[in-house]
Amino acid sequence: MATVRTRSGVIVLLSVLLAGLIAFASMVGVYTPEFYVRESFTWQVQSVGQDVINLVLIVPFLLITSLLTFLNKEKGVPLWGGVVLYIIYTFTIYCFSVHFNVLFIVYCIILG
């Protein structure tokens, strides 16, 4: 039972770090005017919209599902896994489709 609790603790710790990085990258994208200036208009709108979704939905959902996992709730692990898959999809786009910018290393760390 201790190993399950230890693994859950690692999930919570890594999720909190991941949530912090995602929140940082998203706040830069939302609150920095002209951050996505090198993108086409549609990519600019999509990128800022994705940053808002990350801040409003993904970060809180990641923290909640990691807490559910830590508390050994049945629904926690699959929900947490779903959020992580969504993050992988989103930050693959940030790493490979958005023009190179100052957050590239942060995008790569989040994706990793």
Protein backbone atom coordinates (compact mmCIF):
# COMPACT_ATOMS: atom_id res chain seq x y z
CA MET A 1 0.00 0.00 0.00
CA ALA A 2 2.91 2.34 0.68
CA THR A 3 4.11 2.07 -2.93
CA VAL A 4 0.70 3.12 -4.23
CA ARG A 5 0.74 6.14 -1.92
CA THR A 6 4.32 6.96 -2.97
CA ARG A 7 3.42 6.78 -6.67
CA SER A 8 0.38 8.94 -6.02
CA GLY A 9 2.57 11.47 -4.21
CA VAL A 10 4.91 11.62 -7.20
CA ILE A 11 1.92 12.17 -9.49
CA VAL A 12 0.75 15.06 -7.31
CA LEU A 13 4.22 16.63 -7.14
CA LEU A 14 4.81 16.38 -10.89
CA SER A 15 1.27 17.59 -11.62
CA VAL A 16 1.75 20.68 -9.46
CA LEU A 17 5.04 21.47 -11.23
CA LEU A 18 3.41 20.86 -14.61
CA ALA A 19 0.42 23.04 -13.70
CA GLY A 20 2.78 25.86 -12.69
CA LEU A 21 4.66 25.70 -15.98
CA ILE A 22 1.44 25.58 -18.00
CA ALA A 23 0.01 28.52 -16.06
CA PHE A 24 3.21 30.52 -16.60
CA ALA A 25 3.33 29.84 -20.35
CA SER A 26 -0.38 30.55 -20.76
CA MET A 27 -0.26 33.81 -18.79
CA VAL A 28 2.62 35.02 -20.96
CA GLY A 29 0.60 34.19 -24.08
CA VAL A 30 -2.58 35.85 -22.81
CA TYR A 31 -1.17 38.92 -21.08
CA THR A 32 1.70 39.82 -23.42
CA PRO A 33 0.40 41.90 -26.32
CA GLU A 34 1.72 40.84 -29.69
CA PHE A 35 3.25 37.61 -28.29
CA TYR A 36 2.02 35.58 -31.24
CA VAL A 37 2.68 38.36 -33.77
CA ARG A 38 4.61 36.07 -36.15
CA GLU A 39 1.62 33.73 -36.50
CA SER A 40 -1.19 34.12 -39.02
CA PHE A 41 -4.36 35.69 -37.66
CA THR A 42 -6.11 32.34 -37.24
CA TRP A 43 -3.12 30.86 -35.36
CA GLN A 44 -3.00 33.96 -33.14
CA VAL A 45 -6.65 33.55 -32.19
CA GLN A 46 -6.24 29.81 -31.66
CA SER A 47 -3.10 30.24 -29.55
CA VAL A 48 -4.58 32.87 -27.26
CA GLY A 49 -7.79 30.86 -26.98
CA GLN A 50 -5.80 27.77 -26.07
CA ASP A 51 -3.90 29.74 -23.44
CA VAL A 52 -7.18 30.86 -21.90
CA ILE A 53 -8.50 27.27 -21.88
CA ASN A 54 -5.26 26.11 -20.28
CA LEU A 55 -5.59 28.69 -17.51
CA VAL A 56 -9.31 28.31 -16.86
CA LEU A 57 -9.89 24.59 -17.38
CA ILE A 58 -6.76 22.49 -17.78
CA VAL A 59 -4.65 23.72 -14.84
CA PRO A 60 -7.47 23.35 -12.27
CA PHE A 61 -8.58 20.01 -13.75
CA LEU A 62 -5.00 18.71 -13.64
CA LEU A 63 -4.69 19.65 -9.97
CA ILE A 64 -8.08 18.20 -9.04
CA THR A 65 -7.47 14.88 -10.83
CA SER A 66 -4.02 14.52 -9.30
CA LEU A 67 -5.56 15.08 -5.86
CA LEU A 68 -8.21 12.44 -6.63
CA THR A 69 -5.42 10.07 -7.62
CA PHE A 70 -3.56 10.80 -4.39
CA LEU A 71 -6.71 10.05 -2.39
CA ASN A 72 -7.04 6.69 -4.21
CA LYS A 73 -10.35 7.60 -5.78
CA GLU A 74 -11.34 5.22 -8.59
CA LYS A 75 -12.02 7.95 -11.12
CA GLY A 76 -8.81 9.87 -10.49
CA VAL A 77 -6.32 7.90 -12.57
CA PRO A 78 -8.26 7.73 -15.86
CA LEU A 79 -9.29 11.38 -15.60
CA TRP A 80 -5.72 12.41 -14.80
CA GLY A 81 -4.50 10.35 -17.74
CA GLY A 82 -6.99 12.06 -20.03
CA VAL A 83 -5.78 15.50 -18.94
CA VAL A 84 -2.17 14.48 -19.51
CA LEU A 85 -3.00 13.20 -23.01
CA TYR A 86 -4.71 16.52 -23.76
CA ILE A 87 -1.61 18.39 -22.55
CA ILE A 88 0.61 16.21 -24.75
CA TYR A 89 -1.56 16.99 -27.78
CA THR A 90 -1.66 20.72 -27.05
CA PHE A 91 2.03 21.18 -26.37
CA THR A 92 3.01 19.08 -29.37
CA ILE A 93 1.25 21.78 -31.39
CA TYR A 94 3.04 24.52 -29.44
CA CYS A 95 6.43 22.86 -29.98
CA PHE A 96 6.08 22.04 -33.66
CA SER A 97 3.51 24.41 -35.18
CA VAL A 98 3.91 27.76 -33.42
CA HIS A 99 6.84 29.92 -34.53
CA PHE A 100 9.93 29.70 -32.34
CA ASN A 101 9.64 32.12 -29.41
CA VAL A 102 11.09 32.69 -25.94
CA LEU A 103 8.81 30.02 -24.42
CA PHE A 104 10.04 27.21 -26.68
CA ILE A 105 12.11 25.63 -23.89
CA VAL A 106 9.13 25.84 -21.51
CA TYR A 107 6.92 24.18 -24.16
CA CYS A 108 9.49 21.39 -24.53
CA ILE A 109 9.75 20.87 -20.76
CA ILE A 110 5.96 20.66 -20.48
CA LEU A 111 5.80 18.22 -23.37
CA GLY A 112 8.57 16.11 -21.83
